[in-house]
Amino acid sequence: MLPLPGPGWLVIILGLTMLPFRWADRTVTLIRRRIPGVPEEGSIPTRTWVVMGTLVVAFGVVSIVWGDDLRGFAAALWGDPDKLLG
């Protein structure tokens, strides 16, 4: 999953946290040090959860309310989406 777009790093970190080895714990700590805004112990601040939740809800509402309009906009920019995806 790592070379593909999406949650590859999240799945790798989740898998490493389940391993009962010291090297896996050190690797997760090293990765957490490199991610800005996440402390080494792994707790994510409440503000971050609120921002992520708000963005998920906002994008969901936009896609439900204006989904067809956005599809038409994409078709005008790049051509027919059915031909692009199919």
PDB file of N, CA and C in Angstrom:
ATOM      1  N   MET A   1       0.810  -1.204   0.000  1.00  0.00           N
ATOM      2  CA  MET A   1       0.000   0.000   0.000  1.00  0.00           C
ATOM      3  C   MET A   1       0.851   1.264   0.000  1.00  0.00           C
ATOM      4  N   LEU A   2       2.110   1.172   0.327  1.00  0.00           N
ATOM      5  CA  LEU A   2       2.929   2.375   0.433  1.00  0.00           C
ATOM      6  C   LEU A   2       3.076   3.131  -0.881  1.00  0.00           C
ATOM      7  N   PRO A   3       3.355   2.481  -2.014  1.00  0.00           N
ATOM      8  CA  PRO A   3       3.515   3.274  -3.234  1.00  0.00           C
ATOM      9  C   PRO A   3       2.210   3.819  -3.799  1.00  0.00           C
ATOM     10  N   LEU A   4       1.090   3.305  -3.350  1.00  0.00           N
ATOM     11  CA  LEU A   4      -0.198   3.768  -3.850  1.00  0.00           C
ATOM     12  C   LEU A   4      -0.692   4.956  -3.043  1.00  0.00           C
ATOM     13  N   PRO A   5      -1.464   5.849  -3.659  1.00  0.00           N
ATOM     14  CA  PRO A   5      -2.015   6.962  -2.884  1.00  0.00           C
ATOM     15  C   PRO A   5      -3.047   6.445  -1.882  1.00  0.00           C
ATOM     16  N   GLY A   6      -3.065   7.046  -0.734  1.00  0.00           N
ATOM     17  CA  GLY A   6      -4.032   6.638   0.279  1.00  0.00           C
ATOM     18  C   GLY A   6      -3.382   6.421   1.624  1.00  0.00           C
ATOM     19  N   PRO A   7      -3.972   5.575   2.441  1.00  0.00           N
ATOM     20  CA  PRO A   7      -3.544   5.450   3.840  1.00  0.00           C
ATOM     21  C   PRO A   7      -2.418   4.446   4.060  1.00  0.00           C
ATOM     22  N   GLY A   8      -1.460   4.364   3.165  1.00  0.00           N
ATOM     23  CA  GLY A   8      -0.381   3.384   3.285  1.00  0.00           C
ATOM     24  C   GLY A   8       0.410   3.520   4.569  1.00  0.00           C
ATOM     25  N   TRP A   9       0.852   4.738   4.896  1.00  0.00           N
ATOM     26  CA  TRP A   9       1.630   4.929   6.124  1.00  0.00           C
ATOM     27  C   TRP A   9       0.823   4.610   7.368  1.00  0.00           C
ATOM     28  N   LEU A  10      -0.467   4.937   7.358  1.00  0.00           N
ATOM     29  CA  LEU A  10      -1.300   4.626   8.526  1.00  0.00           C
ATOM     30  C   LEU A  10      -1.389   3.134   8.756  1.00  0.00           C
ATOM     31  N   VAL A  11      -1.528   2.366   7.694  1.00  0.00           N
ATOM     32  CA  VAL A  11      -1.615   0.909   7.824  1.00  0.00           C
ATOM     33  C   VAL A  11      -0.282   0.342   8.304  1.00  0.00           C
ATOM     34  N   ILE A  12       0.825   0.878   7.807  1.00  0.00           N
ATOM     35  CA  ILE A  12       2.145   0.410   8.243  1.00  0.00           C
ATOM     36  C   ILE A  12       2.351   0.696   9.725  1.00  0.00           C
ATOM     37  N   ILE A  13       2.017   1.917  10.156  1.00  0.00           N
ATOM     38  CA  ILE A  13       2.177   2.267  11.580  1.00  0.00           C
ATOM     39  C   ILE A  13       1.265   1.406  12.444  1.00  0.00           C
ATOM     40  N   LEU A  14       0.028   1.199  11.999  1.00  0.00           N
ATOM     41  CA  LEU A  14      -0.897   0.356  12.759  1.00  0.00           C
ATOM     42  C   LEU A  14      -0.347  -1.068  12.889  1.00  0.00           C
ATOM     43  N   GLY A  15       0.181  -1.601  11.809  1.00  0.00           N
ATOM     44  CA  GLY A  15       0.758  -2.948  11.852  1.00  0.00           C
ATOM     45  C   GLY A  15       1.957  -3.022  12.771  1.00  0.00           C
ATOM     46  N   LEU A  16       2.809  -2.007  12.745  1.00  0.00           N
ATOM     47  CA  LEU A  16       3.981  -2.009  13.616  1.00  0.00           C
ATOM     48  C   LEU A  16       3.604  -1.912  15.090  1.00  0.00           C
ATOM     49  N   THR A  17       2.537  -1.165  15.393  1.00  0.00           N
ATOM     50  CA  THR A  17       2.137  -1.048  16.805  1.00  0.00           C
ATOM     51  C   THR A  17       1.611  -2.362  17.361  1.00  0.00           C
ATOM     52  N   MET A  18       1.161  -3.260  16.497  1.00  0.00           N
ATOM     53  CA  MET A  18       0.648  -4.547  16.970  1.00  0.00           C
ATOM     54  C   MET A  18       1.756  -5.576  17.198  1.00  0.00           C
ATOM     55  N   LEU A  19       2.949  -5.307  16.699  1.00  0.00           N
ATOM     56  CA  LEU A  19       4.044  -6.257  16.865  1.00  0.00           C
ATOM     57  C   LEU A  19       4.607  -6.174  18.280  1.00  0.00           C
ATOM     58  N   PRO A  20       4.922  -7.316  18.896  1.00  0.00           N
ATOM     59  CA  PRO A  20       5.420  -7.302  20.278  1.00  0.00           C
ATOM     60  C   PRO A  20       6.948  -7.179  20.359  1.00  0.00           C
ATOM     61  N   PHE A  21       7.570  -6.512  19.407  1.00  0.00           N
ATOM     62  CA  PHE A  21       9.022  -6.417  19.384  1.00  0.00           C
ATOM     63  C   PHE A  21       9.474  -5.004  19.713  1.00  0.00           C
ATOM     64  N   ARG A  22      10.628  -4.901  20.365  1.00  0.00           N
ATOM     65  CA  ARG A  22      11.167  -3.597  20.759  1.00  0.00           C
ATOM     66  C   ARG A  22      11.528  -2.756  19.532  1.00  0.00           C
ATOM     67  N   TRP A  23      12.057  -3.402  18.489  1.00  0.00           N
ATOM     68  CA  TRP A  23      12.446  -2.658  17.286  1.00  0.00           C
ATOM     69  C   TRP A  23      11.231  -2.015  16.626  1.00  0.00           C
ATOM     70  N   ALA A  24      10.079  -2.678  16.701  1.00  0.00           N
ATOM     71  CA  ALA A  24       8.863  -2.104  16.113  1.00  0.00           C
ATOM     72  C   ALA A  24       8.448  -0.862  16.893  1.00  0.00           C
ATOM     73  N   ASP A  25       8.575  -0.909  18.215  1.00  0.00           N
ATOM     74  CA  ASP A  25       8.232   0.247  19.044  1.00  0.00           C
ATOM     75  C   ASP A  25       9.166   1.417  18.750  1.00  0.00           C
ATOM     76  N   ARG A  26      10.461   1.129  18.581  1.00  0.00           N
ATOM     77  CA  ARG A  26      11.414   2.189  18.245  1.00  0.00           C
ATOM     78  C   ARG A  26      11.108   2.790  16.871  1.00  0.00           C
ATOM     79  N   THR A  27      10.708   1.945  15.923  1.00  0.00           N
ATOM     80  CA  THR A  27      10.384   2.436  14.582  1.00  0.00           C
ATOM     81  C   THR A  27       9.167   3.352  14.614  1.00  0.00           C
ATOM     82  N   VAL A  28       8.144   2.969  15.365  1.00  0.00           N
ATOM     83  CA  VAL A  28       6.942   3.806  15.480  1.00  0.00           C
ATOM     84  C   VAL A  28       7.289   5.135  16.141  1.00  0.00           C
ATOM     85  N   THR A  29       8.133   5.101  17.173  1.00  0.00           N
ATOM     86  CA  THR A  29       8.549   6.338  17.837  1.00  0.00           C
ATOM     87  C   THR A  29       9.312   7.231  16.871  1.00  0.00           C
ATOM     88  N   LEU A  30      10.189   6.648  16.055  1.00  0.00           N
ATOM     89  CA  LEU A  30      10.941   7.417  15.063  1.00  0.00           C
ATOM     90  C   LEU A  30      10.008   8.058  14.040  1.00  0.00           C
ATOM     91  N   ILE A  31       9.012   7.322  13.582  1.00  0.00           N
ATOM     92  CA  ILE A  31       8.054   7.867  12.617  1.00  0.00           C
ATOM     93  C   ILE A  31       7.255   9.001  13.254  1.00  0.00           C
ATOM     94  N   ARG A  32       6.856   8.825  14.505  1.00  0.00           N
ATOM     95  CA  ARG A  32       6.078   9.872  15.181  1.00  0.00           C
ATOM     96  C   ARG A  32       6.899  11.136  15.374  1.00  0.00           C
ATOM     97  N   ARG A  33       8.209  11.002  15.587  1.00  0.00           N
ATOM     98  CA  ARG A  33       9.058  12.186  15.714  1.00  0.00           C
ATOM     99  C   ARG A  33       9.077  12.997  14.430  1.00  0.00           C
ATOM    100  N   ARG A  34       8.965  12.328  13.293  1.00  0.00           N
ATOM    101  CA  ARG A  34       9.058  13.014  12.004  1.00  0.00           C
ATOM    102  C   ARG A  34       7.732  13.610  11.541  1.00  0.00           C
ATOM    103  N   ILE A  35       6.620  13.233  12.177  1.00  0.00           N
ATOM    104  CA  ILE A  35       5.321  13.786  11.801  1.00  0.00           C
ATOM    105  C   ILE A  35       5.088  15.040  12.635  1.00  0.00           C
ATOM    106  N   PRO A  36       4.975  16.198  11.984  1.00  0.00           N
ATOM    107  CA  PRO A  36       4.787  17.427  12.762  1.00  0.00           C
ATOM    108  C   PRO A  36       3.424  17.458  13.456  1.00  0.00           C
ATOM    109  N   GLY A  37       3.438  17.893  14.706  1.00  0.00           N
ATOM    110  CA  GLY A  37       2.194  18.057  15.438  1.00  0.00           C
ATOM    111  C   GLY A  37       1.742  16.846  16.232  1.00  0.00           C
ATOM    112  N   VAL A  38       2.432  15.694  16.106  1.00  0.00           N
ATOM    113  CA  VAL A  38       2.055  14.497  16.866  1.00  0.00           C
ATOM    114  C   VAL A  38       3.169  14.210  17.870  1.00  0.00           C
ATOM    115  N   PRO A  39       2.864  14.221  19.177  1.00  0.00           N
ATOM    116  CA  PRO A  39       3.884  13.922  20.181  1.00  0.00           C
ATOM    117  C   PRO A  39       4.368  12.478  20.077  1.00  0.00           C
ATOM    118  N   GLU A  40       5.532  12.203  20.672  1.00  0.00           N
ATOM    119  CA  GLU A  40       6.119  10.865  20.594  1.00  0.00           C
ATOM    120  C   GLU A  40       5.231   9.791  21.212  1.00  0.00           C
ATOM    121  N   GLU A  41       4.466  10.142  22.241  1.00  0.00           N
ATOM    122  CA  GLU A  41       3.601   9.124  22.859  1.00  0.00           C
ATOM    123  C   GLU A  41       2.404   8.788  21.981  1.00  0.00           C
ATOM    124  N   GLY A  42       2.185   9.584  20.935  1.00  0.00           N
ATOM    125  CA  GLY A  42       1.162   9.247  19.953  1.00  0.00           C
ATOM    126  C   GLY A  42      -0.191   9.874  20.166  1.00  0.00           C
ATOM    127  N   SER A  43      -0.341  10.657  21.230  1.00  0.00           N
ATOM    128  CA  SER A  43      -1.647  11.285  21.441  1.00  0.00           C
ATOM    129  C   SER A  43      -1.840  12.419  20.439  1.00  0.00           C
ATOM    130  N   ILE A  44      -3.008  12.476  19.871  1.00  0.00           N
ATOM    131  CA  ILE A  44      -3.329  13.517  18.899  1.00  0.00           C
ATOM    132  C   ILE A  44      -4.179  14.566  19.611  1.00  0.00           C
ATOM    133  N   PRO A  45      -3.784  15.841  19.504  1.00  0.00           N
ATOM    134  CA  PRO A  45      -4.532  16.896  20.209  1.00  0.00           C
ATOM    135  C   PRO A  45      -5.998  16.951  19.777  1.00  0.00           C
ATOM    136  N   THR A  46      -6.860  17.357  20.702  1.00  0.00           N
ATOM    137  CA  THR A  46      -8.291  17.437  20.434  1.00  0.00           C
ATOM    138  C   THR A  46      -8.585  18.391  19.275  1.00  0.00           C
ATOM    139  N   ARG A  47      -7.841  19.461  19.191  1.00  0.00           N
ATOM    140  CA  ARG A  47      -8.045  20.430  18.101  1.00  0.00           C
ATOM    141  C   ARG A  47      -7.861  19.759  16.739  1.00  0.00           C
ATOM    142  N   THR A  48      -6.889  18.879  16.634  1.00  0.00           N
ATOM    143  CA  THR A  48      -6.645  18.176  15.375  1.00  0.00           C
ATOM    144  C   THR A  48      -7.827  17.279  15.021  1.00  0.00           C
ATOM    145  N   TRP A  49      -8.380  16.565  16.015  1.00  0.00           N
ATOM    146  CA  TRP A  49      -9.554  15.707  15.767  1.00  0.00           C
ATOM    147  C   TRP A  49     -10.737  16.542  15.294  1.00  0.00           C
ATOM    148  N   VAL A  50     -10.920  17.717  15.914  1.00  0.00           N
ATOM    149  CA  VAL A  50     -12.036  18.593  15.537  1.00  0.00           C
ATOM    150  C   VAL A  50     -11.861  19.087  14.101  1.00  0.00           C
ATOM    151  N   VAL A  51     -10.657  19.506  13.751  1.00  0.00           N
ATOM    152  CA  VAL A  51     -10.405  19.994  12.392  1.00  0.00           C
ATOM    153  C   VAL A  51     -10.623  18.868  11.375  1.00  0.00           C
ATOM    154  N   MET A  52     -10.095  17.669  11.649  1.00  0.00           N
ATOM    155  CA  MET A  52     -10.275  16.550  10.722  1.00  0.00           C
ATOM    156  C   MET A  52     -11.747  16.179  10.577  1.00  0.00           C
ATOM    157  N   GLY A  53     -12.463  16.132  11.676  1.00  0.00           N
ATOM    158  CA  GLY A  53     -13.882  15.809  11.616  1.00  0.00           C
ATOM    159  C   GLY A  53     -14.681  16.840  10.848  1.00  0.00           C
ATOM    160  N   THR A  54     -14.355  18.121  11.066  1.00  0.00           N
ATOM    161  CA  THR A  54     -15.040  19.189  10.342  1.00  0.00           C
ATOM    162  C   THR A  54     -14.787  19.084   8.843  1.00  0.00           C
ATOM    163  N   LEU A  55     -13.543  18.798   8.451  1.00  0.00           N
ATOM    164  CA  LEU A  55     -13.225  18.657   7.032  1.00  0.00           C
ATOM    165  C   LEU A  55     -13.939  17.464   6.401  1.00  0.00           C
ATOM    166  N   VAL A  56     -14.016  16.356   7.115  1.00  0.00           N
ATOM    167  CA  VAL A  56     -14.713  15.177   6.583  1.00  0.00           C
ATOM    168  C   VAL A  56     -16.190  15.493   6.360  1.00  0.00           C
ATOM    169  N   VAL A  57     -16.818  16.115   7.353  1.00  0.00           N
ATOM    170  CA  VAL A  57     -18.237  16.460   7.223  1.00  0.00           C
ATOM    171  C   VAL A  57     -18.435  17.478   6.091  1.00  0.00           C
ATOM    172  N   ALA A  58     -17.555  18.484   6.002  1.00  0.00           N
ATOM    173  CA  ALA A  58     -17.688  19.510   4.965  1.00  0.00           C
ATOM    174  C   ALA A  58     -17.561  18.900   3.565  1.00  0.00           C
ATOM    175  N   PHE A  59     -16.560  18.052   3.357  1.00  0.00           N
ATOM    176  CA  PHE A  59     -16.400  17.431   2.044  1.00  0.00           C
ATOM    177  C   PHE A  59     -17.547  16.476   1.733  1.00  0.00           C
ATOM    178  N   GLY A  60     -18.074  15.819   2.751  1.00  0.00           N
ATOM    179  CA  GLY A  60     -19.232  14.950   2.533  1.00  0.00           C
ATOM    180  C   GLY A  60     -20.448  15.736   2.095  1.00  0.00           C
ATOM    181  N   VAL A  61     -20.703  16.847   2.768  1.00  0.00           N
ATOM    182  CA  VAL A  61     -21.851  17.691   2.411  1.00  0.00           C
ATOM    183  C   VAL A  61     -21.673  18.273   1.010  1.00  0.00           C
ATOM    184  N   VAL A  62     -20.481  18.747   0.705  1.00  0.00           N
ATOM    185  CA  VAL A  62     -20.223  19.313  -0.627  1.00  0.00           C
ATOM    186  C   VAL A  62     -20.439  18.257  -1.701  1.00  0.00           C
ATOM    187  N   SER A  63     -19.966  17.041  -1.470  1.00  0.00           N
ATOM    188  CA  SER A  63     -20.116  15.999  -2.491  1.00  0.00           C
ATOM    189  C   SER A  63     -21.569  15.573  -2.653  1.00  0.00           C
ATOM    190  N   ILE A  64     -22.355  15.599  -1.583  1.00  0.00           N
ATOM    191  CA  ILE A  64     -23.767  15.228  -1.686  1.00  0.00           C
ATOM    192  C   ILE A  64     -24.573  16.342  -2.359  1.00  0.00           C
ATOM    193  N   VAL A  65     -24.335  17.580  -1.927  1.00  0.00           N
ATOM    194  CA  VAL A  65     -25.140  18.697  -2.428  1.00  0.00           C
ATOM    195  C   VAL A  65     -24.750  19.083  -3.849  1.00  0.00           C
ATOM    196  N   TRP A  66     -23.456  19.205  -4.122  1.00  0.00           N
ATOM    197  CA  TRP A  66     -23.005  19.688  -5.420  1.00  0.00           C
ATOM    198  C   TRP A  66     -22.275  18.621  -6.233  1.00  0.00           C
ATOM    199  N   GLY A  67     -22.507  17.354  -5.959  1.00  0.00           N
ATOM    200  CA  GLY A  67     -21.790  16.283  -6.648  1.00  0.00           C
ATOM    201  C   GLY A  67     -21.958  16.306  -8.149  1.00  0.00           C
ATOM    202  N   ASP A  68     -23.197  16.464  -8.629  1.00  0.00           N
ATOM    203  CA  ASP A  68     -23.433  16.474 -10.076  1.00  0.00           C
ATOM    204  C   ASP A  68     -22.824  17.711 -10.731  1.00  0.00           C
ATOM    205  N   ASP A  69     -22.885  18.844 -10.045  1.00  0.00           N
ATOM    206  CA  ASP A  69     -22.279  20.053 -10.590  1.00  0.00           C
ATOM    207  C   ASP A  69     -20.756  19.909 -10.685  1.00  0.00           C
ATOM    208  N   LEU A  70     -20.165  19.297  -9.680  1.00  0.00           N
ATOM    209  CA  LEU A  70     -18.717  19.079  -9.709  1.00  0.00           C
ATOM    210  C   LEU A  70     -18.327  18.106 -10.820  1.00  0.00           C
ATOM    211  N   ARG A  71     -19.178  17.124 -11.061  1.00  0.00           N
ATOM    212  CA  ARG A  71     -18.924  16.181 -12.147  1.00  0.00           C
ATOM    213  C   ARG A  71     -18.970  16.903 -13.502  1.00  0.00           C
ATOM    214  N   GLY A  72     -19.930  17.795 -13.662  1.00  0.00           N
ATOM    215  CA  GLY A  72     -20.008  18.585 -14.881  1.00  0.00           C
ATOM    216  C   GLY A  72     -18.817  19.517 -15.025  1.00  0.00           C
ATOM    217  N   PHE A  73     -18.359  20.092 -13.915  1.00  0.00           N
ATOM    218  CA  PHE A  73     -17.182  20.953 -13.944  1.00  0.00           C
ATOM    219  C   PHE A  73     -15.942  20.161 -14.372  1.00  0.00           C
ATOM    220  N   ALA A  74     -15.787  18.963 -13.812  1.00  0.00           N
ATOM    221  CA  ALA A  74     -14.657  18.112 -14.199  1.00  0.00           C
ATOM    222  C   ALA A  74     -14.754  17.713 -15.668  1.00  0.00           C
ATOM    223  N   ALA A  75     -15.961  17.456 -16.140  1.00  0.00           N
ATOM    224  CA  ALA A  75     -16.149  17.094 -17.544  1.00  0.00           C
ATOM    225  C   ALA A  75     -15.757  18.247 -18.452  1.00  0.00           C
ATOM    226  N   ALA A  76     -16.065  19.473 -18.024  1.00  0.00           N
ATOM    227  CA  ALA A  76     -15.703  20.634 -18.833  1.00  0.00           C
ATOM    228  C   ALA A  76     -14.189  20.836 -18.868  1.00  0.00           C
ATOM    229  N   LEU A  77     -13.512  20.507 -17.771  1.00  0.00           N
ATOM    230  CA  LEU A  77     -12.064  20.686 -17.724  1.00  0.00           C
ATOM    231  C   LEU A  77     -11.305  19.578 -18.445  1.00  0.00           C
ATOM    232  N   TRP A  78     -11.676  18.319 -18.175  1.00  0.00           N
ATOM    233  CA  TRP A  78     -10.871  17.186 -18.630  1.00  0.00           C
ATOM    234  C   TRP A  78     -11.570  16.285 -19.634  1.00  0.00           C
ATOM    235  N   GLY A  79     -12.770  16.592 -19.966  1.00  0.00           N
ATOM    236  CA  GLY A  79     -13.503  15.728 -20.875  1.00  0.00           C
ATOM    237  C   GLY A  79     -14.526  14.895 -20.121  1.00  0.00           C
ATOM    238  N   ASP A  80     -15.175  13.994 -20.805  1.00  0.00           N
ATOM    239  CA  ASP A  80     -16.231  13.169 -20.221  1.00  0.00           C
ATOM    240  C   ASP A  80     -15.666  12.242 -19.143  1.00  0.00           C
ATOM    241  N   PRO A  81     -16.169  12.346 -17.873  1.00  0.00           N
ATOM    242  CA  PRO A  81     -15.634  11.507 -16.812  1.00  0.00           C
ATOM    243  C   PRO A  81     -15.877  10.016 -17.046  1.00  0.00           C
ATOM    244  N   ASP A  82     -16.977   9.672 -17.726  1.00  0.00           N
ATOM    245  CA  ASP A  82     -17.227   8.260 -17.995  1.00  0.00           C
ATOM    246  C   ASP A  82     -16.142   7.677 -18.901  1.00  0.00           C
ATOM    247  N   LYS A  83     -15.665   8.455 -19.829  1.00  0.00           N
ATOM    248  CA  LYS A  83     -14.601   7.989 -20.711  1.00  0.00           C
ATOM    249  C   LYS A  83     -13.257   7.947 -19.986  1.00  0.00           C
ATOM    250  N   LEU A  84     -13.058   8.896 -19.059  1.00  0.00           N
ATOM    251  CA  LEU A  84     -11.808   8.916 -18.304  1.00  0.00           C
ATOM    252  C   LEU A  84     -11.716   7.745 -17.351  1.00  0.00           C
ATOM    253  N   LEU A  85     -12.812   7.418 -16.663  1.00  0.00           N
ATOM    254  CA  LEU A  85     -12.805   6.359 -15.665  1.00  0.00           C
ATOM    255  C   LEU A  85     -13.122   4.990 -16.250  1.00  0.00           C
ATOM    256  N   GLY A  86     -13.781   4.952 -17.368  1.00  0.00           N
ATOM    257  CA  GLY A  86     -14.228   3.667 -17.892  1.00  0.00           C
ATOM    258  C   GLY A  86     -13.515   3.197 -19.071  1.00  0.00           C
TER     259      GLY A  86
END
